[in-house]
């Protein structure tokens, strides 16, 4: 398997409290069961921090020696490659799903974080939902299950498009990221109901973007 090697320019988040919260989140995911290995991370609305949480969960798992792959499946509006400042262009998920590239074409990116590989979203596609329904995605996820301890999938917000609902049945569980003060309770309940309809187990939610001046960077709560 040929891999592209990429160096991630990772911005350090808010210190000790953030690090401890991510470690707690990692531990809670592990306690959800040994069979929970393919995990989607989503939100209700854009800009709630789901992509950051996806990356931090993946990195935290890798730092404890687990072999992890992070898939950026937000092929409509991805910011991951730009956020981590990937200099060299690499094939992405949209190109794989549309048949332009195979796994062997350097789709898998080996990062400078030990045990963490990434598949970036690739160029914007005009038909994301149709691409995500391709058998190629099932093939990719099945391959990841064989090769990695954990597969973390960053998906689009549930209230915006159907993409997350398409991916959910392929996963062992879902984490819902909620930005403090940004989303109404009824809207979060609607997103929860959408996930439940897919049959994907909801592992829990992450309350994100809490004002640090009011105590704590972010708090996470797990449980069905």
N, C-alpha and C. Protein backbone atom coordinates (compact mmCIF):
# COMPACT_ATOMS: atom_id res chain seq x y z
N UNK A 1 0.84 -1.20 0.00
CA UNK A 1 0.00 0.00 0.00
C UNK A 1 0.88 1.25 0.00
N UNK A 2 0.76 2.05 -1.06
CA UNK A 2 1.51 3.30 -1.16
C UNK A 2 0.76 4.39 -0.39
N UNK A 3 1.47 5.08 0.49
CA UNK A 3 0.86 6.16 1.26
C UNK A 3 1.56 7.48 0.95
N UNK A 4 0.80 8.56 0.91
CA UNK A 4 1.39 9.89 0.89
C UNK A 4 1.81 10.25 2.31
N UNK A 5 2.94 10.90 2.44
CA UNK A 5 3.38 11.35 3.76
C UNK A 5 3.12 12.85 3.88
N UNK A 6 2.38 13.24 4.91
CA UNK A 6 2.04 14.65 5.10
C UNK A 6 2.41 15.10 6.51
N UNK A 7 2.78 16.36 6.61
CA UNK A 7 3.08 16.95 7.91
C UNK A 7 1.92 17.88 8.28
N UNK A 8 1.32 17.63 9.41
CA UNK A 8 0.19 18.44 9.86
C UNK A 8 0.69 19.61 10.71
N UNK A 9 0.21 20.78 10.40
CA UNK A 9 0.52 21.94 11.23
C UNK A 9 -0.61 22.11 12.23
N UNK A 10 -0.43 21.50 13.37
CA UNK A 10 -1.50 21.42 14.37
C UNK A 10 -1.40 22.60 15.33
N UNK A 11 -2.46 23.38 15.39
CA UNK A 11 -2.53 24.48 16.34
C UNK A 11 -2.89 23.93 17.71
N UNK A 12 -2.11 24.27 18.70
CA UNK A 12 -2.38 23.80 20.06
C UNK A 12 -3.63 24.47 20.62
N UNK A 13 -4.55 23.65 21.08
CA UNK A 13 -5.78 24.18 21.66
C UNK A 13 -5.52 24.63 23.11
N UNK A 14 -6.58 25.05 23.76
CA UNK A 14 -6.45 25.64 25.09
C UNK A 14 -5.99 24.63 26.13
N UNK A 15 -4.72 24.61 26.44
CA UNK A 15 -4.05 23.97 27.55
C UNK A 15 -4.64 22.80 28.28
N UNK A 16 -4.41 22.82 29.56
CA UNK A 16 -4.64 21.67 30.43
C UNK A 16 -6.09 21.19 30.41
N UNK A 17 -7.04 22.10 30.55
CA UNK A 17 -8.45 21.71 30.63
C UNK A 17 -8.89 21.01 29.34
N UNK A 18 -8.45 21.54 28.23
CA UNK A 18 -8.81 20.93 26.94
C UNK A 18 -8.23 19.53 26.84
N UNK A 19 -6.94 19.40 27.17
CA UNK A 19 -6.28 18.09 27.10
C UNK A 19 -6.98 17.07 27.98
N UNK A 20 -7.34 17.48 29.19
CA UNK A 20 -8.00 16.56 30.11
C UNK A 20 -9.39 16.17 29.60
N UNK A 21 -10.08 17.13 29.00
CA UNK A 21 -11.42 16.84 28.47
C UNK A 21 -11.33 15.84 27.32
N UNK A 22 -10.32 15.98 26.46
CA UNK A 22 -10.14 15.06 25.35
C UNK A 22 -9.79 13.66 25.86
N UNK A 23 -8.95 13.59 26.89
CA UNK A 23 -8.61 12.29 27.47
C UNK A 23 -9.84 11.61 28.07
N UNK A 24 -10.69 12.42 28.72
CA UNK A 24 -11.92 11.87 29.29
C UNK A 24 -12.84 11.37 28.18
N UNK A 25 -12.93 12.14 27.11
CA UNK A 25 -13.74 11.76 25.96
C UNK A 25 -13.24 10.45 25.37
N UNK A 26 -11.92 10.33 25.22
CA UNK A 26 -11.32 9.10 24.70
C UNK A 26 -11.66 7.90 25.59
N UNK A 27 -11.52 8.10 26.89
CA UNK A 27 -11.81 7.01 27.82
C UNK A 27 -13.27 6.59 27.76
N UNK A 28 -14.16 7.56 27.68
CA UNK A 28 -15.59 7.26 27.61
C UNK A 28 -15.94 6.48 26.35
N UNK A 29 -15.30 6.83 25.25
CA UNK A 29 -15.53 6.09 24.00
C UNK A 29 -15.08 4.64 24.16
N UNK A 30 -13.92 4.44 24.78
CA UNK A 30 -13.41 3.09 24.98
C UNK A 30 -14.35 2.26 25.85
N UNK A 31 -14.96 2.90 26.85
CA UNK A 31 -15.88 2.20 27.73
C UNK A 31 -17.23 1.90 27.07
N UNK A 32 -17.45 2.43 25.88
CA UNK A 32 -18.68 2.10 25.16
C UNK A 32 -18.66 0.68 24.62
N UNK A 33 -17.46 0.05 24.60
CA UNK A 33 -17.37 -1.34 24.18
C UNK A 33 -16.28 -1.58 23.15
N UNK A 34 -15.72 -2.78 23.18
CA UNK A 34 -14.63 -3.12 22.27
C UNK A 34 -15.10 -3.19 20.82
N UNK A 35 -16.40 -3.36 20.61
CA UNK A 35 -16.93 -3.45 19.25
C UNK A 35 -17.20 -2.08 18.64
N UNK A 36 -17.01 -1.01 19.41
CA UNK A 36 -17.23 0.34 18.88
C UNK A 36 -15.91 0.86 18.32
N UNK A 37 -15.72 0.67 17.02
CA UNK A 37 -14.44 1.01 16.41
C UNK A 37 -14.55 1.96 15.24
N UNK A 38 -15.70 1.98 14.57
CA UNK A 38 -15.95 2.93 13.49
C UNK A 38 -16.94 3.96 13.99
N UNK A 39 -16.47 5.18 14.17
CA UNK A 39 -17.24 6.21 14.88
C UNK A 39 -17.39 7.46 14.02
N UNK A 40 -18.62 7.88 13.82
CA UNK A 40 -18.84 9.13 13.10
C UNK A 40 -18.98 10.27 14.10
N UNK A 41 -18.47 11.43 13.72
CA UNK A 41 -18.59 12.63 14.54
C UNK A 41 -19.36 13.66 13.71
N UNK A 42 -20.44 14.16 14.26
CA UNK A 42 -21.27 15.09 13.52
C UNK A 42 -21.77 16.19 14.45
N UNK A 43 -22.57 17.08 13.90
CA UNK A 43 -23.15 18.18 14.67
C UNK A 43 -24.52 18.49 14.10
N UNK A 44 -25.19 19.45 14.71
CA UNK A 44 -26.49 19.87 14.19
C UNK A 44 -26.32 20.93 13.11
N UNK A 45 -25.46 21.92 13.38
CA UNK A 45 -25.23 23.03 12.47
C UNK A 45 -23.75 23.14 12.12
N UNK A 46 -23.42 23.88 11.06
CA UNK A 46 -22.00 24.13 10.76
C UNK A 46 -21.33 24.95 11.87
N UNK A 47 -20.02 24.83 11.95
CA UNK A 47 -19.18 25.63 12.84
C UNK A 47 -19.43 25.37 14.33
N UNK A 48 -19.78 24.14 14.65
CA UNK A 48 -19.91 23.76 16.06
C UNK A 48 -18.64 23.09 16.59
N UNK A 49 -17.68 22.87 15.71
CA UNK A 49 -16.41 22.30 16.14
C UNK A 49 -16.28 20.80 15.93
N UNK A 50 -17.13 20.20 15.10
CA UNK A 50 -17.09 18.75 14.92
C UNK A 50 -15.79 18.27 14.27
N UNK A 51 -15.25 19.03 13.32
CA UNK A 51 -14.02 18.61 12.64
C UNK A 51 -12.84 18.63 13.61
N UNK A 52 -12.80 19.66 14.47
CA UNK A 52 -11.75 19.71 15.50
C UNK A 52 -11.88 18.52 16.44
N UNK A 53 -13.11 18.21 16.86
CA UNK A 53 -13.32 17.07 17.75
C UNK A 53 -12.94 15.76 17.07
N UNK A 54 -13.27 15.62 15.78
CA UNK A 54 -12.91 14.41 15.04
C UNK A 54 -11.40 14.21 15.07
N UNK A 55 -10.67 15.28 14.78
CA UNK A 55 -9.21 15.19 14.76
C UNK A 55 -8.66 14.90 16.15
N UNK A 56 -9.17 15.59 17.16
CA UNK A 56 -8.64 15.41 18.51
C UNK A 56 -8.92 14.02 19.05
N UNK A 57 -10.09 13.45 18.73
CA UNK A 57 -10.39 12.09 19.15
C UNK A 57 -9.42 11.12 18.47
N UNK A 58 -9.23 11.30 17.17
CA UNK A 58 -8.32 10.44 16.42
C UNK A 58 -6.90 10.55 16.95
N UNK A 59 -6.45 11.76 17.19
CA UNK A 59 -5.08 11.96 17.69
C UNK A 59 -4.93 11.35 19.09
N UNK A 60 -5.93 11.55 19.95
CA UNK A 60 -5.85 11.00 21.31
C UNK A 60 -5.75 9.49 21.30
N UNK A 61 -6.53 8.85 20.41
CA UNK A 61 -6.46 7.39 20.30
C UNK A 61 -5.08 6.95 19.81
N UNK A 62 -4.54 7.67 18.82
CA UNK A 62 -3.23 7.33 18.27
C UNK A 62 -2.13 7.50 19.30
N UNK A 63 -2.24 8.53 20.13
CA UNK A 63 -1.20 8.80 21.12
C UNK A 63 -1.11 7.74 22.20
N UNK A 64 -2.16 6.94 22.33
CA UNK A 64 -2.10 5.84 23.30
C UNK A 64 -1.74 4.52 22.62
N UNK A 65 -1.25 4.62 21.37
CA UNK A 65 -0.73 3.44 20.68
C UNK A 65 -1.72 2.69 19.82
N UNK A 66 -2.93 3.23 19.66
CA UNK A 66 -3.91 2.61 18.79
C UNK A 66 -3.65 3.03 17.34
N UNK A 67 -3.89 2.12 16.42
CA UNK A 67 -3.73 2.43 15.00
C UNK A 67 -5.05 3.05 14.52
N UNK A 68 -4.98 4.30 14.06
CA UNK A 68 -6.20 5.08 13.80
C UNK A 68 -6.17 5.67 12.40
N UNK A 69 -7.33 5.68 11.76
CA UNK A 69 -7.49 6.42 10.51
C UNK A 69 -8.65 7.40 10.66
N UNK A 70 -8.42 8.62 10.23
CA UNK A 70 -9.43 9.68 10.25
C UNK A 70 -9.88 9.93 8.82
N UNK A 71 -11.17 9.81 8.57
CA UNK A 71 -11.73 10.04 7.23
C UNK A 71 -12.53 11.33 7.24
N UNK A 72 -12.15 12.26 6.40
CA UNK A 72 -12.89 13.51 6.25
C UNK A 72 -13.97 13.28 5.20
N UNK A 73 -15.19 13.00 5.65
CA UNK A 73 -16.30 12.70 4.74
C UNK A 73 -17.19 13.91 4.51
N UNK A 74 -16.74 15.09 4.93
CA UNK A 74 -17.50 16.32 4.67
C UNK A 74 -17.06 16.87 3.32
N UNK A 75 -17.48 16.19 2.25
CA UNK A 75 -16.99 16.54 0.92
C UNK A 75 -17.72 17.73 0.29
N UNK A 76 -18.67 18.28 1.03
CA UNK A 76 -19.33 19.50 0.56
C UNK A 76 -18.59 20.76 1.03
N UNK A 77 -18.11 20.71 2.27
CA UNK A 77 -17.62 21.96 2.87
C UNK A 77 -16.45 21.67 3.83
N UNK A 78 -15.51 20.89 3.39
CA UNK A 78 -14.43 20.51 4.28
C UNK A 78 -13.45 21.66 4.50
N UNK A 79 -12.94 21.74 5.73
CA UNK A 79 -11.92 22.73 6.05
C UNK A 79 -10.65 22.06 6.60
N UNK A 80 -10.65 20.72 6.64
CA UNK A 80 -9.58 20.02 7.34
C UNK A 80 -8.21 20.21 6.68
N UNK A 81 -8.13 20.02 5.36
CA UNK A 81 -6.84 20.15 4.69
C UNK A 81 -6.30 21.57 4.84
N UNK A 82 -7.20 22.55 4.73
CA UNK A 82 -6.77 23.95 4.87
C UNK A 82 -6.37 24.25 6.31
N UNK A 83 -7.14 23.74 7.26
CA UNK A 83 -6.87 24.02 8.68
C UNK A 83 -5.51 23.51 9.10
N UNK A 84 -5.16 22.31 8.64
CA UNK A 84 -3.88 21.72 9.03
C UNK A 84 -2.78 21.97 8.00
N UNK A 85 -3.10 22.86 7.04
CA UNK A 85 -2.12 23.41 6.11
C UNK A 85 -1.32 22.33 5.39
N UNK A 86 -2.03 21.49 4.66
CA UNK A 86 -1.37 20.48 3.86
C UNK A 86 -0.82 21.15 2.60
N UNK A 87 0.49 21.11 2.44
CA UNK A 87 1.13 21.81 1.32
C UNK A 87 0.95 21.08 -0.01
N UNK A 88 1.23 19.79 0.00
CA UNK A 88 1.19 19.05 -1.27
C UNK A 88 -0.20 18.49 -1.52
N UNK A 89 -0.72 18.65 -2.75
CA UNK A 89 -2.05 18.11 -3.07
C UNK A 89 -2.04 16.59 -3.01
N UNK A 90 -3.06 16.02 -2.41
CA UNK A 90 -3.18 14.56 -2.30
C UNK A 90 -4.57 14.14 -2.76
N UNK A 91 -4.71 12.91 -3.26
CA UNK A 91 -6.04 12.42 -3.64
C UNK A 91 -6.94 12.39 -2.41
N UNK A 92 -8.24 12.54 -2.64
CA UNK A 92 -9.17 12.57 -1.52
C UNK A 92 -10.36 11.65 -1.72
N UNK A 93 -11.26 11.66 -0.72
CA UNK A 93 -12.41 10.76 -0.70
C UNK A 93 -13.31 10.94 -1.92
N UNK A 94 -13.57 12.18 -2.31
CA UNK A 94 -14.46 12.41 -3.45
C UNK A 94 -13.92 11.78 -4.72
N UNK A 95 -12.59 11.81 -4.88
CA UNK A 95 -11.98 11.21 -6.08
C UNK A 95 -12.03 9.69 -6.03
N UNK A 96 -11.90 9.15 -4.82
CA UNK A 96 -12.00 7.69 -4.66
C UNK A 96 -13.42 7.22 -4.95
N UNK A 97 -14.41 7.90 -4.37
CA UNK A 97 -15.80 7.47 -4.54
C UNK A 97 -16.28 7.62 -5.97
N UNK A 98 -15.70 8.56 -6.70
CA UNK A 98 -16.11 8.78 -8.09
C UNK A 98 -15.29 7.93 -9.07
N UNK A 99 -14.41 7.09 -8.54
CA UNK A 99 -13.66 6.18 -9.40
C UNK A 99 -12.41 6.75 -10.02
N UNK A 100 -12.01 7.95 -9.63
CA UNK A 100 -10.81 8.57 -10.21
C UNK A 100 -9.53 8.04 -9.59
N UNK A 101 -9.62 7.58 -8.33
CA UNK A 101 -8.44 7.05 -7.65
C UNK A 101 -8.83 5.80 -6.86
N UNK A 102 -7.84 4.93 -6.70
CA UNK A 102 -8.01 3.74 -5.86
C UNK A 102 -7.25 3.92 -4.55
N UNK A 103 -7.50 3.03 -3.62
CA UNK A 103 -6.78 3.08 -2.34
C UNK A 103 -5.27 3.09 -2.55
N UNK A 104 -4.84 2.35 -3.56
CA UNK A 104 -3.41 2.18 -3.82
C UNK A 104 -2.77 3.43 -4.42
N UNK A 105 -3.56 4.43 -4.77
CA UNK A 105 -3.04 5.63 -5.43
C UNK A 105 -2.61 6.72 -4.45
N UNK A 106 -2.31 6.35 -3.23
CA UNK A 106 -1.90 7.36 -2.26
C UNK A 106 -3.06 8.05 -1.57
N UNK A 107 -4.23 7.39 -1.57
CA UNK A 107 -5.40 7.97 -0.90
C UNK A 107 -5.15 8.09 0.60
N UNK A 108 -4.46 7.10 1.17
CA UNK A 108 -4.15 7.11 2.60
C UNK A 108 -2.94 8.00 2.84
N UNK A 109 -3.07 8.94 3.75
CA UNK A 109 -1.97 9.85 4.09
C UNK A 109 -1.41 9.48 5.46
N UNK A 110 -0.14 9.17 5.48
CA UNK A 110 0.56 8.90 6.73
C UNK A 110 1.02 10.23 7.33
N UNK A 111 0.55 10.56 8.51
CA UNK A 111 0.88 11.85 9.10
C UNK A 111 2.13 11.74 9.97
N UNK A 112 2.60 12.90 10.42
CA UNK A 112 3.76 12.93 11.31
C UNK A 112 3.38 12.62 12.75
N UNK A 113 2.10 12.32 12.99
CA UNK A 113 1.67 11.84 14.31
C UNK A 113 1.68 10.32 14.25
N UNK A 114 2.52 9.65 15.05
CA UNK A 114 2.63 8.19 14.98
C UNK A 114 1.27 7.51 15.11
N UNK A 115 1.03 6.52 14.24
CA UNK A 115 -0.17 5.67 14.25
C UNK A 115 -1.43 6.38 13.77
N UNK A 116 -1.30 7.59 13.23
CA UNK A 116 -2.47 8.31 12.71
C UNK A 116 -2.36 8.53 11.21
N UNK A 117 -3.29 7.93 10.47
CA UNK A 117 -3.42 8.15 9.03
C UNK A 117 -4.69 8.96 8.77
N UNK A 118 -4.72 9.63 7.63
CA UNK A 118 -5.86 10.48 7.29
C UNK A 118 -6.24 10.27 5.82
N UNK A 119 -7.53 10.28 5.55
CA UNK A 119 -8.04 10.41 4.19
C UNK A 119 -8.76 11.76 4.13
N UNK A 120 -8.23 12.66 3.31
CA UNK A 120 -8.85 13.98 3.19
C UNK A 120 -10.06 13.92 2.26
N UNK A 121 -10.87 14.97 2.27
CA UNK A 121 -12.13 14.95 1.55
C UNK A 121 -11.98 14.99 0.04
N UNK A 122 -10.90 15.62 -0.44
CA UNK A 122 -10.73 15.79 -1.87
C UNK A 122 -11.52 16.98 -2.38
N UNK A 123 -11.49 17.24 -3.69
CA UNK A 123 -12.18 18.38 -4.27
C UNK A 123 -13.69 18.31 -4.07
N UNK A 124 -14.31 19.47 -4.05
CA UNK A 124 -15.78 19.53 -3.95
C UNK A 124 -16.41 18.76 -5.11
N UNK A 125 -17.42 17.97 -4.79
CA UNK A 125 -18.16 17.23 -5.82
C UNK A 125 -19.59 17.76 -5.90
N UNK A 126 -20.17 17.82 -7.10
CA UNK A 126 -21.53 18.37 -7.25
C UNK A 126 -22.61 17.42 -6.75
N UNK A 127 -22.25 16.15 -6.48
CA UNK A 127 -23.25 15.16 -6.08
C UNK A 127 -22.79 14.36 -4.87
N UNK A 128 -22.51 15.03 -3.74
CA UNK A 128 -21.96 14.34 -2.56
C UNK A 128 -22.81 13.18 -2.05
N UNK A 129 -24.12 13.38 -1.95
CA UNK A 129 -24.98 12.33 -1.40
C UNK A 129 -24.93 11.07 -2.26
N UNK A 130 -24.95 11.25 -3.56
CA UNK A 130 -24.89 10.11 -4.47
C UNK A 130 -23.55 9.38 -4.33
N UNK A 131 -22.46 10.13 -4.18
CA UNK A 131 -21.15 9.51 -4.04
C UNK A 131 -21.08 8.68 -2.75
N UNK A 132 -21.64 9.22 -1.67
CA UNK A 132 -21.58 8.52 -0.38
C UNK A 132 -22.41 7.25 -0.37
N UNK A 133 -23.33 7.12 -1.32
CA UNK A 133 -24.13 5.90 -1.42
C UNK A 133 -23.46 4.83 -2.28
N UNK A 134 -22.31 5.17 -2.86
CA UNK A 134 -21.59 4.22 -3.71
C UNK A 134 -21.06 3.04 -2.88
N UNK A 135 -21.05 1.84 -3.45
CA UNK A 135 -20.49 0.67 -2.75
C UNK A 135 -19.02 0.88 -2.37
N UNK A 136 -18.35 1.78 -3.05
CA UNK A 136 -16.94 2.04 -2.76
C UNK A 136 -16.75 2.49 -1.31
N UNK A 137 -17.71 3.21 -0.74
CA UNK A 137 -17.57 3.65 0.65
C UNK A 137 -17.66 2.47 1.60
N UNK A 138 -18.57 1.54 1.32
CA UNK A 138 -18.68 0.33 2.15
C UNK A 138 -17.38 -0.46 2.08
N UNK A 139 -16.80 -0.54 0.88
CA UNK A 139 -15.54 -1.25 0.69
C UNK A 139 -14.43 -0.59 1.49
N UNK A 140 -14.39 0.74 1.46
CA UNK A 140 -13.36 1.48 2.19
C UNK A 140 -13.48 1.27 3.69
N UNK A 141 -14.69 1.39 4.22
CA UNK A 141 -14.89 1.22 5.66
C UNK A 141 -14.56 -0.21 6.09
N UNK A 142 -14.92 -1.19 5.26
CA UNK A 142 -14.60 -2.58 5.58
C UNK A 142 -13.09 -2.78 5.63
N UNK A 143 -12.37 -2.15 4.71
CA UNK A 143 -10.91 -2.24 4.69
C UNK A 143 -10.32 -1.59 5.94
N UNK A 144 -10.86 -0.45 6.33
CA UNK A 144 -10.38 0.25 7.52
C UNK A 144 -10.60 -0.59 8.78
N UNK A 145 -11.70 -1.29 8.84
CA UNK A 145 -11.96 -2.16 9.99
C UNK A 145 -10.90 -3.25 10.13
N UNK A 146 -10.39 -3.72 8.99
CA UNK A 146 -9.38 -4.77 9.01
C UNK A 146 -8.00 -4.22 9.38
N UNK A 147 -7.72 -3.00 8.96
CA UNK A 147 -6.37 -2.45 9.06
C UNK A 147 -6.12 -1.59 10.30
N UNK A 148 -7.19 -1.07 10.94
CA UNK A 148 -7.03 -0.10 12.01
C UNK A 148 -7.82 -0.51 13.26
N UNK A 149 -7.36 0.00 14.39
CA UNK A 149 -8.10 -0.21 15.64
C UNK A 149 -9.34 0.68 15.69
N UNK A 150 -9.19 1.92 15.18
CA UNK A 150 -10.31 2.87 15.17
C UNK A 150 -10.37 3.61 13.83
N UNK A 151 -11.58 3.80 13.36
CA UNK A 151 -11.83 4.63 12.18
C UNK A 151 -12.77 5.75 12.62
N UNK A 152 -12.28 6.99 12.56
CA UNK A 152 -13.08 8.16 12.96
C UNK A 152 -13.51 8.87 11.68
N UNK A 153 -14.81 9.11 11.53
CA UNK A 153 -15.34 9.71 10.31
C UNK A 153 -16.00 11.05 10.63
N UNK A 154 -15.45 12.11 10.05
CA UNK A 154 -16.01 13.45 10.20
C UNK A 154 -17.09 13.63 9.14
N UNK A 155 -18.33 13.87 9.56
CA UNK A 155 -19.44 13.97 8.61
C UNK A 155 -20.08 15.36 8.67
N UNK A 156 -20.82 15.74 7.61
CA UNK A 156 -21.49 17.04 7.60
C UNK A 156 -22.56 17.15 8.69
N UNK A 157 -22.94 18.37 9.05
CA UNK A 157 -24.01 18.58 10.05
C UNK A 157 -25.32 17.94 9.61
N UNK A 158 -26.07 17.43 10.57
CA UNK A 158 -27.28 16.68 10.26
C UNK A 158 -28.43 17.55 9.78
N UNK A 159 -28.49 18.80 10.24
CA UNK A 159 -29.64 19.64 9.87
C UNK A 159 -29.50 20.23 8.48
N UNK A 160 -28.29 20.16 7.92
CA UNK A 160 -28.04 20.83 6.64
C UNK A 160 -28.29 19.93 5.44
N UNK A 161 -27.74 18.71 5.50
CA UNK A 161 -27.79 17.80 4.35
C UNK A 161 -28.01 16.37 4.83
N UNK A 162 -28.25 15.47 3.89
CA UNK A 162 -28.56 14.08 4.23
C UNK A 162 -27.31 13.22 4.40
N UNK A 163 -26.14 13.77 4.09
CA UNK A 163 -24.90 12.98 4.04
C UNK A 163 -24.64 12.19 5.32
N UNK A 164 -24.79 12.84 6.47
CA UNK A 164 -24.53 12.17 7.74
C UNK A 164 -25.44 10.98 7.96
N UNK A 165 -26.70 11.11 7.55
CA UNK A 165 -27.66 10.02 7.70
C UNK A 165 -27.32 8.84 6.78
N UNK A 166 -26.65 9.12 5.67
CA UNK A 166 -26.22 8.05 4.76
C UNK A 166 -25.05 7.27 5.37
N UNK A 167 -24.15 7.99 6.02
CA UNK A 167 -22.95 7.37 6.59
C UNK A 167 -23.26 6.63 7.89
N UNK A 168 -24.21 7.13 8.67
CA UNK A 168 -24.47 6.61 10.02
C UNK A 168 -24.68 5.10 10.09
N UNK A 169 -25.48 4.48 9.20
CA UNK A 169 -25.71 3.03 9.33
C UNK A 169 -24.44 2.20 9.12
N UNK A 170 -23.42 2.80 8.54
CA UNK A 170 -22.16 2.09 8.28
C UNK A 170 -21.22 2.13 9.49
N UNK A 171 -21.62 2.88 10.53
CA UNK A 171 -20.75 3.09 11.69
C UNK A 171 -21.25 2.33 12.92
N UNK A 172 -20.34 2.10 13.87
CA UNK A 172 -20.71 1.43 15.11
C UNK A 172 -21.35 2.38 16.11
N UNK A 173 -21.07 3.67 15.96
CA UNK A 173 -21.61 4.65 16.89
C UNK A 173 -21.39 6.06 16.39
N UNK A 174 -22.08 6.99 17.03
CA UNK A 174 -22.00 8.40 16.62
C UNK A 174 -21.80 9.28 17.84
N UNK A 175 -21.01 10.34 17.64
CA UNK A 175 -20.81 11.38 18.64
C UNK A 175 -21.38 12.67 18.07
N UNK A 176 -22.25 13.31 18.83
CA UNK A 176 -22.89 14.55 18.40
C UNK A 176 -22.25 15.73 19.12
N UNK A 177 -21.65 16.63 18.37
CA UNK A 177 -21.01 17.82 18.93
C UNK A 177 -22.02 18.97 18.95
N UNK A 178 -22.15 19.61 20.10
CA UNK A 178 -23.10 20.71 20.26
C UNK A 178 -22.37 21.94 20.79
N UNK A 179 -22.44 23.03 20.06
CA UNK A 179 -21.80 24.27 20.50
C UNK A 179 -22.68 24.98 21.52
N UNK A 180 -22.09 25.33 22.64
CA UNK A 180 -22.83 25.99 23.71
C UNK A 180 -23.41 27.32 23.25
N UNK A 181 -24.71 27.50 23.46
CA UNK A 181 -25.37 28.75 23.14
C UNK A 181 -25.66 28.98 21.68
N UNK A 182 -25.33 28.00 20.82
CA UNK A 182 -25.51 28.19 19.38
C UNK A 182 -26.75 27.49 18.84
N UNK A 183 -27.11 26.35 19.48
CA UNK A 183 -28.17 25.51 18.94
C UNK A 183 -29.30 25.37 19.95
N UNK A 184 -30.53 25.44 19.48
CA UNK A 184 -31.67 25.29 20.37
C UNK A 184 -31.89 23.83 20.74
N UNK A 185 -32.51 23.62 21.88
CA UNK A 185 -32.78 22.26 22.35
C UNK A 185 -33.62 21.47 21.34
N UNK A 186 -34.71 22.05 20.78
CA UNK A 186 -35.51 21.30 19.80
C UNK A 186 -34.69 20.87 18.58
N UNK A 187 -33.76 21.70 18.15
CA UNK A 187 -32.95 21.37 16.98
C UNK A 187 -32.00 20.21 17.29
N UNK A 188 -31.43 20.21 18.49
CA UNK A 188 -30.57 19.10 18.89
C UNK A 188 -31.38 17.81 18.99
N UNK A 189 -32.58 17.90 19.53
CA UNK A 189 -33.45 16.73 19.64
C UNK A 189 -33.81 16.19 18.26
N UNK A 190 -33.99 17.09 17.30
CA UNK A 190 -34.29 16.68 15.93
C UNK A 190 -33.11 15.94 15.33
N UNK A 191 -31.90 16.45 15.58
CA UNK A 191 -30.69 15.78 15.08
C UNK A 191 -30.55 14.40 15.72
N UNK A 192 -30.82 14.32 17.01
CA UNK A 192 -30.77 13.04 17.73
C UNK A 192 -31.76 12.05 17.13
N UNK A 193 -32.95 12.53 16.83
CA UNK A 193 -33.98 11.66 16.24
C UNK A 193 -33.55 11.16 14.86
N UNK A 194 -32.88 12.04 14.09
CA UNK A 194 -32.38 11.63 12.77
C UNK A 194 -31.39 10.49 12.90
N UNK A 195 -30.50 10.61 13.86
CA UNK A 195 -29.51 9.55 14.07
C UNK A 195 -30.19 8.24 14.51
N UNK A 196 -31.15 8.35 15.39
CA UNK A 196 -31.85 7.16 15.88
C UNK A 196 -32.55 6.42 14.76
N UNK A 197 -33.08 7.15 13.80
CA UNK A 197 -33.78 6.53 12.66
C UNK A 197 -32.84 5.70 11.80
N UNK A 198 -31.56 6.05 11.79
CA UNK A 198 -30.59 5.32 10.97
C UNK A 198 -30.19 3.99 11.60
N UNK A 199 -30.49 3.84 12.89
CA UNK A 199 -30.09 2.63 13.59
C UNK A 199 -28.68 2.70 14.15
N UNK A 200 -28.01 3.81 13.96
CA UNK A 200 -26.66 3.98 14.49
C UNK A 200 -26.74 4.31 15.98
N UNK A 201 -25.97 3.64 16.77
CA UNK A 201 -25.97 3.87 18.22
C UNK A 201 -25.39 5.24 18.53
N UNK A 202 -26.10 6.03 19.30
CA UNK A 202 -25.59 7.34 19.73
C UNK A 202 -24.77 7.13 20.99
N UNK A 203 -23.47 7.35 20.87
CA UNK A 203 -22.59 7.14 22.01
C UNK A 203 -22.74 8.24 23.05
N UNK A 204 -23.03 9.45 22.58
CA UNK A 204 -23.20 10.58 23.48
C UNK A 204 -22.97 11.88 22.77
N UNK A 205 -22.87 12.94 23.54
CA UNK A 205 -22.72 14.28 22.97
C UNK A 205 -21.55 14.99 23.63
N UNK A 206 -21.01 15.95 22.90
CA UNK A 206 -19.94 16.80 23.41
C UNK A 206 -20.44 18.24 23.41
N UNK A 207 -20.46 18.87 24.57
CA UNK A 207 -20.82 20.28 24.65
C UNK A 207 -19.54 21.09 24.45
N UNK A 208 -19.50 21.84 23.38
CA UNK A 208 -18.27 22.48 22.93
C UNK A 208 -18.41 24.00 22.96
N UNK A 209 -17.28 24.66 22.91
CA UNK A 209 -17.21 26.13 22.81
C UNK A 209 -17.85 26.84 24.00
N UNK A 210 -17.65 26.28 25.18
CA UNK A 210 -18.10 26.96 26.39
C UNK A 210 -17.17 28.13 26.67
N UNK A 211 -17.72 29.23 27.08
CA UNK A 211 -16.92 30.41 27.41
C UNK A 211 -15.98 30.09 28.56
N UNK A 212 -14.68 30.16 28.30
CA UNK A 212 -13.70 29.81 29.33
C UNK A 212 -13.77 30.73 30.54
N UNK A 213 -14.26 31.94 30.36
CA UNK A 213 -14.37 32.88 31.47
C UNK A 213 -15.46 32.47 32.46
N UNK A 214 -16.33 31.59 31.97
CA UNK A 214 -17.42 31.12 32.84
C UNK A 214 -17.12 29.75 33.43
N UNK A 215 -15.87 29.29 33.17
CA UNK A 215 -15.45 28.04 33.81
C UNK A 215 -15.42 26.86 32.89
N UNK A 216 -14.22 26.47 32.47
CA UNK A 216 -14.06 25.27 31.68
C UNK A 216 -14.10 25.54 30.19
N UNK A 217 -13.28 24.83 29.45
CA UNK A 217 -13.26 24.99 28.00
C UNK A 217 -14.39 24.22 27.36
N UNK A 218 -14.48 22.95 27.74
CA UNK A 218 -15.61 22.19 27.22
C UNK A 218 -15.87 20.98 28.09
N UNK A 219 -17.08 20.53 28.05
CA UNK A 219 -17.53 19.46 28.93
C UNK A 219 -18.15 18.38 28.09
N UNK A 220 -17.90 17.13 28.40
CA UNK A 220 -18.51 16.09 27.61
C UNK A 220 -19.37 15.18 28.47
N UNK A 221 -20.41 14.68 27.88
CA UNK A 221 -21.35 13.82 28.59
C UNK A 221 -21.67 12.62 27.70
N UNK A 222 -21.48 11.43 28.24
CA UNK A 222 -21.74 10.23 27.46
C UNK A 222 -22.83 9.39 28.06
N UNK A 223 -23.47 8.65 27.18
CA UNK A 223 -24.57 7.77 27.57
C UNK A 223 -25.66 7.83 26.53
N UNK A 224 -26.37 6.75 26.36
CA UNK A 224 -27.40 6.71 25.32
C UNK A 224 -28.56 7.64 25.68
